[in-house]
Amino acid sequence: MNILVVGDVHGCYHTLKKLLDENWNREEELLVQVGDLIDRGNYAPETVEYARELQEKYGAVFLKGNHEALMIQNFRVAESPGWLRQGGFMTIAQYAFVERDVETDLQWFEK
């Protein structure tokens, strides 16, 4: 089986979707995303939702990147000023705007 590896997406849902629609053969390739689904882009919650759908439907693999690890740390341990400055404030605002449950995605990141 061939593998399609995708790096830092950083909340760019539309770009990720276009990239996969144009380049990923779902029947012949395993998708592996190597972390950093969130922060910096405008659609972090939608990106995570799409990733979870791809994992469920196609068995795609999503690894936890430093941005997901920092988000977990921010919500589970203590506020992470570094993460908040690197896109965390924006990510939190995006989750609130689309009314998506942060906790459910945190649990998915932890897996």
PDB file of N, CA and C in Angstrom:
ATOM      1  N   MET A   1       0.844  -1.185   0.000  1.00  0.00           N
ATOM      2  CA  MET A   1       0.000   0.000   0.000  1.00  0.00           C
ATOM      3  C   MET A   1       0.885   1.242   0.000  1.00  0.00           C
ATOM      4  N   ASN A   2       0.530   2.198  -0.795  1.00  0.00           N
ATOM      5  CA  ASN A   2       1.229   3.480  -0.838  1.00  0.00           C
ATOM      6  C   ASN A   2       0.731   4.365   0.297  1.00  0.00           C
ATOM      7  N   ILE A   3       1.555   5.324   0.671  1.00  0.00           N
ATOM      8  CA  ILE A   3       1.226   6.237   1.758  1.00  0.00           C
ATOM      9  C   ILE A   3       1.324   7.671   1.250  1.00  0.00           C
ATOM     10  N   LEU A   4       0.296   8.460   1.532  1.00  0.00           N
ATOM     11  CA  LEU A   4       0.339   9.897   1.273  1.00  0.00           C
ATOM     12  C   LEU A   4       0.544  10.570   2.620  1.00  0.00           C
ATOM     13  N   VAL A   5       1.643  11.299   2.756  1.00  0.00           N
ATOM     14  CA  VAL A   5       1.969  11.979   4.008  1.00  0.00           C
ATOM     15  C   VAL A   5       1.711  13.474   3.835  1.00  0.00           C
ATOM     16  N   VAL A   6       0.987  14.032   4.790  1.00  0.00           N
ATOM     17  CA  VAL A   6       0.659  15.454   4.767  1.00  0.00           C
ATOM     18  C   VAL A   6       1.162  16.070   6.065  1.00  0.00           C
ATOM     19  N   GLY A   7       1.856  17.180   5.947  1.00  0.00           N
ATOM     20  CA  GLY A   7       2.391  17.870   7.111  1.00  0.00           C
ATOM     21  C   GLY A   7       1.438  18.905   7.670  1.00  0.00           C
ATOM     22  N   ASP A   8       1.996  19.911   8.241  1.00  0.00           N
ATOM     23  CA  ASP A   8       1.290  20.939   8.990  1.00  0.00           C
ATOM     24  C   ASP A   8       0.149  21.564   8.191  1.00  0.00           C
ATOM     25  N   VAL A   9      -1.052  21.358   8.672  1.00  0.00           N
ATOM     26  CA  VAL A   9      -2.252  21.897   8.020  1.00  0.00           C
ATOM     27  C   VAL A   9      -2.647  23.238   8.656  1.00  0.00           C
ATOM     28  N   HIS A  10      -2.478  23.347   9.950  1.00  0.00           N
ATOM     29  CA  HIS A  10      -2.709  24.583  10.709  1.00  0.00           C
ATOM     30  C   HIS A  10      -4.049  25.247  10.417  1.00  0.00           C
ATOM     31  N   GLY A  11      -5.114  24.469  10.454  1.00  0.00           N
ATOM     32  CA  GLY A  11      -6.448  25.040  10.350  1.00  0.00           C
ATOM     33  C   GLY A  11      -6.855  25.497   8.966  1.00  0.00           C
ATOM     34  N   CYS A  12      -6.131  25.078   7.951  1.00  0.00           N
ATOM     35  CA  CYS A  12      -6.465  25.457   6.566  1.00  0.00           C
ATOM     36  C   CYS A  12      -7.332  24.366   5.946  1.00  0.00           C
ATOM     37  N   TYR A  13      -8.573  24.309   6.380  1.00  0.00           N
ATOM     38  CA  TYR A  13      -9.517  23.277   5.965  1.00  0.00           C
ATOM     39  C   TYR A  13      -9.676  23.198   4.454  1.00  0.00           C
ATOM     40  N   HIS A  14      -9.944  24.313   3.815  1.00  0.00           N
ATOM     41  CA  HIS A  14     -10.210  24.307   2.369  1.00  0.00           C
ATOM     42  C   HIS A  14      -8.987  23.857   1.575  1.00  0.00           C
ATOM     43  N   THR A  15      -7.817  24.272   2.003  1.00  0.00           N
ATOM     44  CA  THR A  15      -6.581  23.857   1.344  1.00  0.00           C
ATOM     45  C   THR A  15      -6.366  22.356   1.502  1.00  0.00           C
ATOM     46  N   LEU A  16      -6.585  21.845   2.712  1.00  0.00           N
ATOM     47  CA  LEU A  16      -6.447  20.404   2.947  1.00  0.00           C
ATOM     48  C   LEU A  16      -7.428  19.623   2.097  1.00  0.00           C
ATOM     49  N   LYS A  17      -8.665  20.047   2.086  1.00  0.00           N
ATOM     50  CA  LYS A  17      -9.686  19.342   1.310  1.00  0.00           C
ATOM     51  C   LYS A  17      -9.324  19.316  -0.169  1.00  0.00           C
ATOM     52  N   LYS A  18      -8.897  20.447  -0.707  1.00  0.00           N
ATOM     53  CA  LYS A  18      -8.509  20.514  -2.114  1.00  0.00           C
ATOM     54  C   LYS A  18      -7.295  19.619  -2.386  1.00  0.00           C
ATOM     55  N   LEU A  19      -6.310  19.671  -1.521  1.00  0.00           N
ATOM     56  CA  LEU A  19      -5.120  18.835  -1.670  1.00  0.00           C
ATOM     57  C   LEU A  19      -5.488  17.361  -1.725  1.00  0.00           C
ATOM     58  N   LEU A  20      -6.340  16.930  -0.819  1.00  0.00           N
ATOM     59  CA  LEU A  20      -6.717  15.518  -0.771  1.00  0.00           C
ATOM     60  C   LEU A  20      -7.615  15.136  -1.939  1.00  0.00           C
ATOM     61  N   ASP A  21      -8.551  15.999  -2.291  1.00  0.00           N
ATOM     62  CA  ASP A  21      -9.432  15.706  -3.426  1.00  0.00           C
ATOM     63  C   ASP A  21      -8.643  15.541  -4.723  1.00  0.00           C
ATOM     64  N   GLU A  22      -7.583  16.308  -4.861  1.00  0.00           N
ATOM     65  CA  GLU A  22      -6.809  16.281  -6.102  1.00  0.00           C
ATOM     66  C   GLU A  22      -5.665  15.267  -6.107  1.00  0.00           C
ATOM     67  N   ASN A  23      -5.240  14.796  -4.928  1.00  0.00           N
ATOM     68  CA  ASN A  23      -4.024  13.991  -4.883  1.00  0.00           C
ATOM     69  C   ASN A  23      -4.117  12.665  -4.139  1.00  0.00           C
ATOM     70  N   TRP A  24      -5.173  12.423  -3.417  1.00  0.00           N
ATOM     71  CA  TRP A  24      -5.241  11.226  -2.586  1.00  0.00           C
ATOM     72  C   TRP A  24      -6.146  10.182  -3.227  1.00  0.00           C
ATOM     73  N   ASN A  25      -5.568   9.019  -3.524  1.00  0.00           N
ATOM     74  CA  ASN A  25      -6.327   7.877  -4.017  1.00  0.00           C
ATOM     75  C   ASN A  25      -6.751   7.063  -2.792  1.00  0.00           C
ATOM     76  N   ARG A  26      -7.975   7.254  -2.367  1.00  0.00           N
ATOM     77  CA  ARG A  26      -8.465   6.661  -1.127  1.00  0.00           C
ATOM     78  C   ARG A  26      -8.471   5.137  -1.126  1.00  0.00           C
ATOM     79  N   GLU A  27      -8.573   4.522  -2.302  1.00  0.00           N
ATOM     80  CA  GLU A  27      -8.600   3.061  -2.383  1.00  0.00           C
ATOM     81  C   GLU A  27      -7.204   2.445  -2.361  1.00  0.00           C
ATOM     82  N   GLU A  28      -6.193   3.216  -2.748  1.00  0.00           N
ATOM     83  CA  GLU A  28      -4.851   2.647  -2.883  1.00  0.00           C
ATOM     84  C   GLU A  28      -3.803   3.260  -1.966  1.00  0.00           C
ATOM     85  N   GLU A  29      -4.159   4.319  -1.252  1.00  0.00           N
ATOM     86  CA  GLU A  29      -3.175   4.993  -0.414  1.00  0.00           C
ATOM     87  C   GLU A  29      -3.689   5.188   1.007  1.00  0.00           C
ATOM     88  N   LEU A  30      -2.787   5.041   1.950  1.00  0.00           N
ATOM     89  CA  LEU A  30      -3.072   5.361   3.343  1.00  0.00           C
ATOM     90  C   LEU A  30      -2.681   6.816   3.564  1.00  0.00           C
ATOM     91  N   LEU A  31      -3.572   7.600   4.127  1.00  0.00           N
ATOM     92  CA  LEU A  31      -3.282   8.985   4.460  1.00  0.00           C
ATOM     93  C   LEU A  31      -2.703   9.030   5.866  1.00  0.00           C
ATOM     94  N   VAL A  32      -1.540   9.669   5.991  1.00  0.00           N
ATOM     95  CA  VAL A  32      -0.929   9.902   7.301  1.00  0.00           C
ATOM     96  C   VAL A  32      -0.666  11.396   7.414  1.00  0.00           C
ATOM     97  N   GLN A  33      -1.273  12.010   8.404  1.00  0.00           N
ATOM     98  CA  GLN A  33      -1.070  13.433   8.657  1.00  0.00           C
ATOM     99  C   GLN A  33      -0.204  13.523   9.907  1.00  0.00           C
ATOM    100  N   VAL A  34       0.907  14.240   9.820  1.00  0.00           N
ATOM    101  CA  VAL A  34       1.924  14.187  10.860  1.00  0.00           C
ATOM    102  C   VAL A  34       1.821  15.298  11.912  1.00  0.00           C
ATOM    103  N   GLY A  35       0.628  15.789  12.140  1.00  0.00           N
ATOM    104  CA  GLY A  35       0.415  16.722  13.241  1.00  0.00           C
ATOM    105  C   GLY A  35       0.224  18.164  12.810  1.00  0.00           C
ATOM    106  N   ASP A  36      -0.187  18.959  13.777  1.00  0.00           N
ATOM    107  CA  ASP A  36      -0.467  20.379  13.598  1.00  0.00           C
ATOM    108  C   ASP A  36      -1.648  20.624  12.666  1.00  0.00           C
ATOM    109  N   LEU A  37      -2.767  20.048  13.040  1.00  0.00           N
ATOM    110  CA  LEU A  37      -4.025  20.310  12.340  1.00  0.00           C
ATOM    111  C   LEU A  37      -4.572  21.690  12.673  1.00  0.00           C
ATOM    112  N   ILE A  38      -4.243  22.193  13.855  1.00  0.00           N
ATOM    113  CA  ILE A  38      -4.874  23.404  14.385  1.00  0.00           C
ATOM    114  C   ILE A  38      -3.930  24.597  14.406  1.00  0.00           C
ATOM    115  N   ASP A  39      -4.498  25.749  14.711  1.00  0.00           N
ATOM    116  CA  ASP A  39      -3.813  27.024  14.940  1.00  0.00           C
ATOM    117  C   ASP A  39      -3.394  27.695  13.637  1.00  0.00           C
ATOM    118  N   ARG A  40      -3.408  28.974  13.685  1.00  0.00           N
ATOM    119  CA  ARG A  40      -2.945  29.883  12.631  1.00  0.00           C
ATOM    120  C   ARG A  40      -3.926  30.070  11.485  1.00  0.00           C
ATOM    121  N   GLY A  41      -4.547  29.022  10.979  1.00  0.00           N
ATOM    122  CA  GLY A  41      -5.516  29.158   9.896  1.00  0.00           C
ATOM    123  C   GLY A  41      -6.876  29.567  10.433  1.00  0.00           C
ATOM    124  N   ASN A  42      -7.830  29.729   9.541  1.00  0.00           N
ATOM    125  CA  ASN A  42      -9.151  30.245   9.922  1.00  0.00           C
ATOM    126  C   ASN A  42     -10.190  29.176  10.227  1.00  0.00           C
ATOM    127  N   TYR A  43      -9.856  27.894  10.072  1.00  0.00           N
ATOM    128  CA  TYR A  43     -10.879  26.851  10.192  1.00  0.00           C
ATOM    129  C   TYR A  43     -10.389  25.649  10.993  1.00  0.00           C
ATOM    130  N   ALA A  44      -9.833  25.882  12.163  1.00  0.00           N
ATOM    131  CA  ALA A  44      -9.318  24.779  12.977  1.00  0.00           C
ATOM    132  C   ALA A  44     -10.405  23.754  13.334  1.00  0.00           C
ATOM    133  N   PRO A  45     -11.566  24.169  13.846  1.00  0.00           N
ATOM    134  CA  PRO A  45     -12.576  23.164  14.204  1.00  0.00           C
ATOM    135  C   PRO A  45     -13.058  22.348  13.000  1.00  0.00           C
ATOM    136  N   GLU A  46     -13.228  23.016  11.872  1.00  0.00           N
ATOM    137  CA  GLU A  46     -13.673  22.310  10.671  1.00  0.00           C
ATOM    138  C   GLU A  46     -12.599  21.337  10.184  1.00  0.00           C
ATOM    139  N   THR A  47     -11.350  21.728  10.326  1.00  0.00           N
ATOM    140  CA  THR A  47     -10.239  20.863   9.933  1.00  0.00           C
ATOM    141  C   THR A  47     -10.217  19.609  10.788  1.00  0.00           C
ATOM    142  N   VAL A  48     -10.396  19.770  12.084  1.00  0.00           N
ATOM    143  CA  VAL A  48     -10.407  18.617  12.993  1.00  0.00           C
ATOM    144  C   VAL A  48     -11.611  17.728  12.705  1.00  0.00           C
ATOM    145  N   GLU A  49     -12.753  18.322  12.478  1.00  0.00           N
ATOM    146  CA  GLU A  49     -13.942  17.536  12.149  1.00  0.00           C
ATOM    147  C   GLU A  49     -13.714  16.710  10.877  1.00  0.00           C
ATOM    148  N   TYR A  50     -13.134  17.321   9.865  1.00  0.00           N
ATOM    149  CA  TYR A  50     -12.831  16.630   8.607  1.00  0.00           C
ATOM    150  C   TYR A  50     -11.835  15.492   8.840  1.00  0.00           C
ATOM    151  N   ALA A  51     -10.816  15.750   9.634  1.00  0.00           N
ATOM    152  CA  ALA A  51      -9.827  14.718   9.947  1.00  0.00           C
ATOM    153  C   ALA A  51     -10.478  13.532  10.646  1.00  0.00           C
ATOM    154  N   ARG A  52     -11.337  13.808  11.580  1.00  0.00           N
ATOM    155  CA  ARG A  52     -12.021  12.724  12.298  1.00  0.00           C
ATOM    156  C   ARG A  52     -12.904  11.914  11.353  1.00  0.00           C
ATOM    157  N   GLU A  53     -13.552  12.582  10.411  1.00  0.00           N
ATOM    158  CA  GLU A  53     -14.367  11.877   9.412  1.00  0.00           C
ATOM    159  C   GLU A  53     -13.493  10.986   8.527  1.00  0.00           C
ATOM    160  N   LEU A  54     -12.339  11.494   8.112  1.00  0.00           N
ATOM    161  CA  LEU A  54     -11.433  10.705   7.272  1.00  0.00           C
ATOM    162  C   LEU A  54     -10.879   9.500   8.030  1.00  0.00           C
ATOM    163  N   GLN A  55     -10.615   9.677   9.299  1.00  0.00           N
ATOM    164  CA  GLN A  55     -10.140   8.553  10.106  1.00  0.00           C
ATOM    165  C   GLN A  55     -11.227   7.479  10.208  1.00  0.00           C
ATOM    166  N   GLU A  56     -12.424   7.908  10.483  1.00  0.00           N
ATOM    167  CA  GLU A  56     -13.555   6.986  10.629  1.00  0.00           C
ATOM    168  C   GLU A  56     -13.866   6.257   9.321  1.00  0.00           C
ATOM    169  N   LYS A  57     -13.905   6.991   8.230  1.00  0.00           N
ATOM    170  CA  LYS A  57     -14.335   6.421   6.955  1.00  0.00           C
ATOM    171  C   LYS A  57     -13.236   5.652   6.223  1.00  0.00           C
ATOM    172  N   TYR A  58     -11.988   6.140   6.298  1.00  0.00           N
ATOM    173  CA  TYR A  58     -10.919   5.561   5.484  1.00  0.00           C
ATOM    174  C   TYR A  58      -9.757   4.982   6.296  1.00  0.00           C
ATOM    175  N   GLY A  59      -9.801   5.113   7.608  1.00  0.00           N
ATOM    176  CA  GLY A  59      -8.692   4.629   8.420  1.00  0.00           C
ATOM    177  C   GLY A  59      -7.462   5.514   8.348  1.00  0.00           C
ATOM    178  N   ALA A  60      -7.643   6.771   7.950  1.00  0.00           N
ATOM    179  CA  ALA A  60      -6.525   7.709   7.893  1.00  0.00           C
ATOM    180  C   ALA A  60      -5.904   7.846   9.281  1.00  0.00           C
ATOM    181  N   VAL A  61      -4.618   8.106   9.301  1.00  0.00           N
ATOM    182  CA  VAL A  61      -3.869   8.201  10.554  1.00  0.00           C
ATOM    183  C   VAL A  61      -3.520   9.666  10.796  1.00  0.00           C
ATOM    184  N   PHE A  62      -3.820  10.138  11.995  1.00  0.00           N
ATOM    185  CA  PHE A  62      -3.507  11.508  12.380  1.00  0.00           C
ATOM    186  C   PHE A  62      -2.662  11.480  13.638  1.00  0.00           C
ATOM    187  N   LEU A  63      -1.437  11.981  13.523  1.00  0.00           N
ATOM    188  CA  LEU A  63      -0.517  12.026  14.652  1.00  0.00           C
ATOM    189  C   LEU A  63      -0.666  13.353  15.383  1.00  0.00           C
ATOM    190  N   LYS A  64      -0.374  13.320  16.665  1.00  0.00           N
ATOM    191  CA  LYS A  64      -0.469  14.532  17.479  1.00  0.00           C
ATOM    192  C   LYS A  64       0.780  15.381  17.257  1.00  0.00           C
ATOM    193  N   GLY A  65       0.580  16.622  16.857  1.00  0.00           N
ATOM    194  CA  GLY A  65       1.691  17.554  16.686  1.00  0.00           C
ATOM    195  C   GLY A  65       1.870  18.407  17.926  1.00  0.00           C
ATOM    196  N   ASN A  66       2.883  19.252  17.897  1.00  0.00           N
ATOM    197  CA  ASN A  66       3.131  20.094  19.059  1.00  0.00           C
ATOM    198  C   ASN A  66       1.981  21.063  19.326  1.00  0.00           C
ATOM    199  N   HIS A  67       1.257  21.498  18.308  1.00  0.00           N
ATOM    200  CA  HIS A  67       0.138  22.420  18.538  1.00  0.00           C
ATOM    201  C   HIS A  67      -1.006  21.710  19.258  1.00  0.00           C
ATOM    202  N   GLU A  68      -1.284  20.459  18.894  1.00  0.00           N
ATOM    203  CA  GLU A  68      -2.311  19.697  19.613  1.00  0.00           C
ATOM    204  C   GLU A  68      -1.858  19.421  21.045  1.00  0.00           C
ATOM    205  N   ALA A  69      -0.577  19.072  21.214  1.00  0.00           N
ATOM    206  CA  ALA A  69      -0.046  18.807  22.564  1.00  0.00           C
ATOM    207  C   ALA A  69      -0.138  20.051  23.440  1.00  0.00           C
ATOM    208  N   LEU A  70       0.165  21.200  22.868  1.00  0.00           N
ATOM    209  CA  LEU A  70       0.078  22.445  23.635  1.00  0.00           C
ATOM    210  C   LEU A  70      -1.371  22.809  23.964  1.00  0.00           C
ATOM    211  N   MET A  71      -2.290  22.502  23.050  1.00  0.00           N
ATOM    212  CA  MET A  71      -3.702  22.753  23.340  1.00  0.00           C
ATOM    213  C   MET A  71      -4.159  21.863  24.493  1.00  0.00           C
ATOM    214  N   ILE A  72      -3.765  20.601  24.470  1.00  0.00           N
ATOM    215  CA  ILE A  72      -4.097  19.690  25.571  1.00  0.00           C
ATOM    216  C   ILE A  72      -3.536  20.239  26.878  1.00  0.00           C
ATOM    217  N   GLN A  73      -2.273  20.637  26.860  1.00  0.00           N
ATOM    218  CA  GLN A  73      -1.639  21.184  28.061  1.00  0.00           C
ATOM    219  C   GLN A  73      -2.393  22.404  28.565  1.00  0.00           C
ATOM    220  N   ASN A  74      -2.802  23.286  27.652  1.00  0.00           N
ATOM    221  CA  ASN A  74      -3.516  24.502  28.026  1.00  0.00           C
ATOM    222  C   ASN A  74      -4.828  24.186  28.742  1.00  0.00           C
ATOM    223  N   PHE A  75      -5.546  23.177  28.281  1.00  0.00           N
ATOM    224  CA  PHE A  75      -6.851  22.858  28.867  1.00  0.00           C
ATOM    225  C   PHE A  75      -6.762  21.875  30.031  1.00  0.00           C
ATOM    226  N   ARG A  76      -5.715  21.063  30.090  1.00  0.00           N
ATOM    227  CA  ARG A  76      -5.641  20.013  31.108  1.00  0.00           C
ATOM    228  C   ARG A  76      -4.712  20.341  32.281  1.00  0.00           C
ATOM    229  N   VAL A  77      -3.662  21.110  32.020  1.00  0.00           N
ATOM    230  CA  VAL A  77      -2.638  21.325  33.043  1.00  0.00           C
ATOM    231  C   VAL A  77      -2.662  22.770  33.536  1.00  0.00           C
ATOM    232  N   ALA A  78      -2.292  23.674  32.667  1.00  0.00           N
ATOM    233  CA  ALA A  78      -2.248  25.095  33.023  1.00  0.00           C
ATOM    234  C   ALA A  78      -2.256  25.914  31.741  1.00  0.00           C
ATOM    235  N   GLU A  79      -2.687  27.151  31.867  1.00  0.00           N
ATOM    236  CA  GLU A  79      -2.702  28.023  30.700  1.00  0.00           C
ATOM    237  C   GLU A  79      -1.317  28.055  30.061  1.00  0.00           C
ATOM    238  N   SER A  80      -1.305  27.973  28.754  1.00  0.00           N
ATOM    239  CA  SER A  80      -0.054  27.943  27.998  1.00  0.00           C
ATOM    240  C   SER A  80       0.072  29.235  27.181  1.00  0.00           C
ATOM    241  N   PRO A  81       0.714  30.263  27.765  1.00  0.00           N
ATOM    242  CA  PRO A  81       0.824  31.544  27.050  1.00  0.00           C
ATOM    243  C   PRO A  81       1.482  31.404  25.677  1.00  0.00           C
ATOM    244  N   GLY A  82       2.465  30.536  25.551  1.00  0.00           N
ATOM    245  CA  GLY A  82       3.120  30.327  24.261  1.00  0.00           C
ATOM    246  C   GLY A  82       2.150  29.813  23.222  1.00  0.00           C
ATOM    247  N   TRP A  83       1.351  28.811  23.593  1.00  0.00           N
ATOM    248  CA  TRP A  83       0.364  28.269  22.655  1.00  0.00           C
ATOM    249  C   TRP A  83      -0.683  29.325  22.310  1.00  0.00           C
ATOM    250  N   LEU A  84      -1.124  30.049  23.309  1.00  0.00           N
ATOM    251  CA  LEU A  84      -2.146  31.069  23.068  1.00  0.00           C
ATOM    252  C   LEU A  84      -1.648  32.101  22.058  1.00  0.00           C
ATOM    253  N   ARG A  85      -0.380  32.492  22.162  1.00  0.00           N
ATOM    254  CA  ARG A  85       0.200  33.460  21.223  1.00  0.00           C
ATOM    255  C   ARG A  85       0.419  32.855  19.838  1.00  0.00           C
ATOM    256  N   GLN A  86       0.665  31.537  19.754  1.00  0.00           N
ATOM    257  CA  GLN A  86       0.951  30.876  18.471  1.00  0.00           C
ATOM    258  C   GLN A  86      -0.309  30.510  17.701  1.00  0.00           C
ATOM    259  N   GLY A  87      -1.432  30.944  18.152  1.00  0.00           N
ATOM    260  CA  GLY A  87      -2.670  30.648  17.446  1.00  0.00           C
ATOM    261  C   GLY A  87      -3.763  30.111  18.345  1.00  0.00           C
ATOM    262  N   GLY A  88      -3.437  29.879  19.587  1.00  0.00           N
ATOM    263  CA  GLY A  88      -4.413  29.335  20.521  1.00  0.00           C
ATOM    264  C   GLY A  88      -5.620  30.230  20.736  1.00  0.00           C
ATOM    265  N   PHE A  89      -5.380  31.525  20.889  1.00  0.00           N
ATOM    266  CA  PHE A  89      -6.511  32.456  21.060  1.00  0.00           C
ATOM    267  C   PHE A  89      -7.463  32.351  19.868  1.00  0.00           C
ATOM    268  N   MET A  90      -6.877  32.302  18.664  1.00  0.00           N
ATOM    269  CA  MET A  90      -7.687  32.213  17.454  1.00  0.00           C
ATOM    270  C   MET A  90      -8.443  30.885  17.402  1.00  0.00           C
ATOM    271  N   THR A  91      -7.767  29.815  17.752  1.00  0.00           N
ATOM    272  CA  THR A  91      -8.404  28.496  17.735  1.00  0.00           C
ATOM    273  C   THR A  91      -9.571  28.446  18.710  1.00  0.00           C
ATOM    274  N   ILE A  92      -9.373  28.941  19.909  1.00  0.00           N
ATOM    275  CA  ILE A  92     -10.448  28.962  20.913  1.00  0.00           C
ATOM    276  C   ILE A  92     -11.630  29.784  20.403  1.00  0.00           C
ATOM    277  N   ALA A  93     -11.357  30.935  19.808  1.00  0.00           N
ATOM    278  CA  ALA A  93     -12.425  31.783  19.265  1.00  0.00           C
ATOM    279  C   ALA A  93     -13.173  31.069  18.145  1.00  0.00           C
ATOM    280  N   GLN A  94     -12.457  30.330  17.309  1.00  0.00           N
ATOM    281  CA  GLN A  94     -13.102  29.596  16.211  1.00  0.00           C
ATOM    282  C   GLN A  94     -14.025  28.510  16.756  1.00  0.00           C
ATOM    283  N   TYR A  95     -13.590  27.800  17.780  1.00  0.00           N
ATOM    284  CA  TYR A  95     -14.439  26.774  18.392  1.00  0.00           C
ATOM    285  C   TYR A  95     -15.711  27.411  18.955  1.00  0.00           C
ATOM    286  N   ALA A  96     -15.568  28.547  19.609  1.00  0.00           N
ATOM    287  CA  ALA A  96     -16.740  29.239  20.166  1.00  0.00           C
ATOM    288  C   ALA A  96     -17.669  29.708  19.055  1.00  0.00           C
ATOM    289  N   PHE A  97     -17.101  30.234  17.982  1.00  0.00           N
ATOM    290  CA  PHE A  97     -17.906  30.767  16.873  1.00  0.00           C
ATOM    291  C   PHE A  97     -18.760  29.685  16.224  1.00  0.00           C
ATOM    292  N   VAL A  98     -18.190  28.492  16.001  1.00  0.00           N
ATOM    293  CA  VAL A  98     -18.949  27.415  15.346  1.00  0.00           C
ATOM    294  C   VAL A  98     -19.659  26.514  16.354  1.00  0.00           C
ATOM    295  N   GLU A  99     -19.502  26.847  17.645  1.00  0.00           N
ATOM    296  CA  GLU A  99     -20.147  26.102  18.729  1.00  0.00           C
ATOM    297  C   GLU A  99     -19.794  24.612  18.686  1.00  0.00           C
ATOM    298  N   ARG A 100     -18.510  24.323  18.464  1.00  0.00           N
ATOM    299  CA  ARG A 100     -18.017  22.948  18.464  1.00  0.00           C
ATOM    300  C   ARG A 100     -17.411  22.659  19.841  1.00  0.00           C
ATOM    301  N   ASP A 101     -17.671  21.466  20.345  1.00  0.00           N
ATOM    302  CA  ASP A 101     -17.208  21.053  21.661  1.00  0.00           C
ATOM    303  C   ASP A 101     -15.694  20.816  21.654  1.00  0.00           C
ATOM    304  N   VAL A 102     -14.965  21.646  22.367  1.00  0.00           N
ATOM    305  CA  VAL A 102     -13.507  21.505  22.464  1.00  0.00           C
ATOM    306  C   VAL A 102     -13.148  20.186  23.150  1.00  0.00           C
ATOM    307  N   GLU A 103     -13.879  19.820  24.160  1.00  0.00           N
ATOM    308  CA  GLU A 103     -13.560  18.631  24.954  1.00  0.00           C
ATOM    309  C   GLU A 103     -13.513  17.360  24.104  1.00  0.00           C
ATOM    310  N   THR A 104     -14.463  17.201  23.219  1.00  0.00           N
ATOM    311  CA  THR A 104     -14.500  16.012  22.360  1.00  0.00           C
ATOM    312  C   THR A 104     -13.245  15.936  21.496  1.00  0.00           C
ATOM    313  N   ASP A 105     -12.819  17.058  20.956  1.00  0.00           N
ATOM    314  CA  ASP A 105     -11.617  17.067  20.128  1.00  0.00           C
ATOM    315  C   ASP A 105     -10.358  16.883  20.970  1.00  0.00           C
ATOM    316  N   LEU A 106     -10.333  17.431  22.168  1.00  0.00           N
ATOM    317  CA  LEU A 106      -9.191  17.200  23.062  1.00  0.00           C
ATOM    318  C   LEU A 106      -9.017  15.711  23.340  1.00  0.00           C
ATOM    319  N   GLN A 107     -10.120  15.036  23.597  1.00  0.00           N
ATOM    320  CA  GLN A 107     -10.051  13.595  23.836  1.00  0.00           C
ATOM    321  C   GLN A 107      -9.521  12.858  22.610  1.00  0.00           C
ATOM    322  N   TRP A 108      -9.921  13.294  21.424  1.00  0.00           N
ATOM    323  CA  TRP A 108      -9.431  12.671  20.185  1.00  0.00           C
ATOM    324  C   TRP A 108      -7.936  12.937  20.025  1.00  0.00           C
ATOM    325  N   PHE A 109      -7.491  14.164  20.301  1.00  0.00           N
ATOM    326  CA  PHE A 109      -6.062  14.477  20.220  1.00  0.00           C
ATOM    327  C   PHE A 109      -5.263  13.582  21.173  1.00  0.00           C
ATOM    328  N   GLU A 110      -5.806  13.344  22.353  1.00  0.00           N
ATOM    329  CA  GLU A 110      -5.085  12.559  23.363  1.00  0.00           C
ATOM    330  C   GLU A 110      -4.889  11.102  22.949  1.00  0.00           C
ATOM    331  N   LYS A 111      -5.741  10.629  22.062  1.00  0.00           N
ATOM    332  CA  LYS A 111      -5.604   9.246  21.596  1.00  0.00           C
ATOM    333  C   LYS A 111      -4.479   9.146  20.602  1.00  0.00           C
TER     334      LYS A 111
END
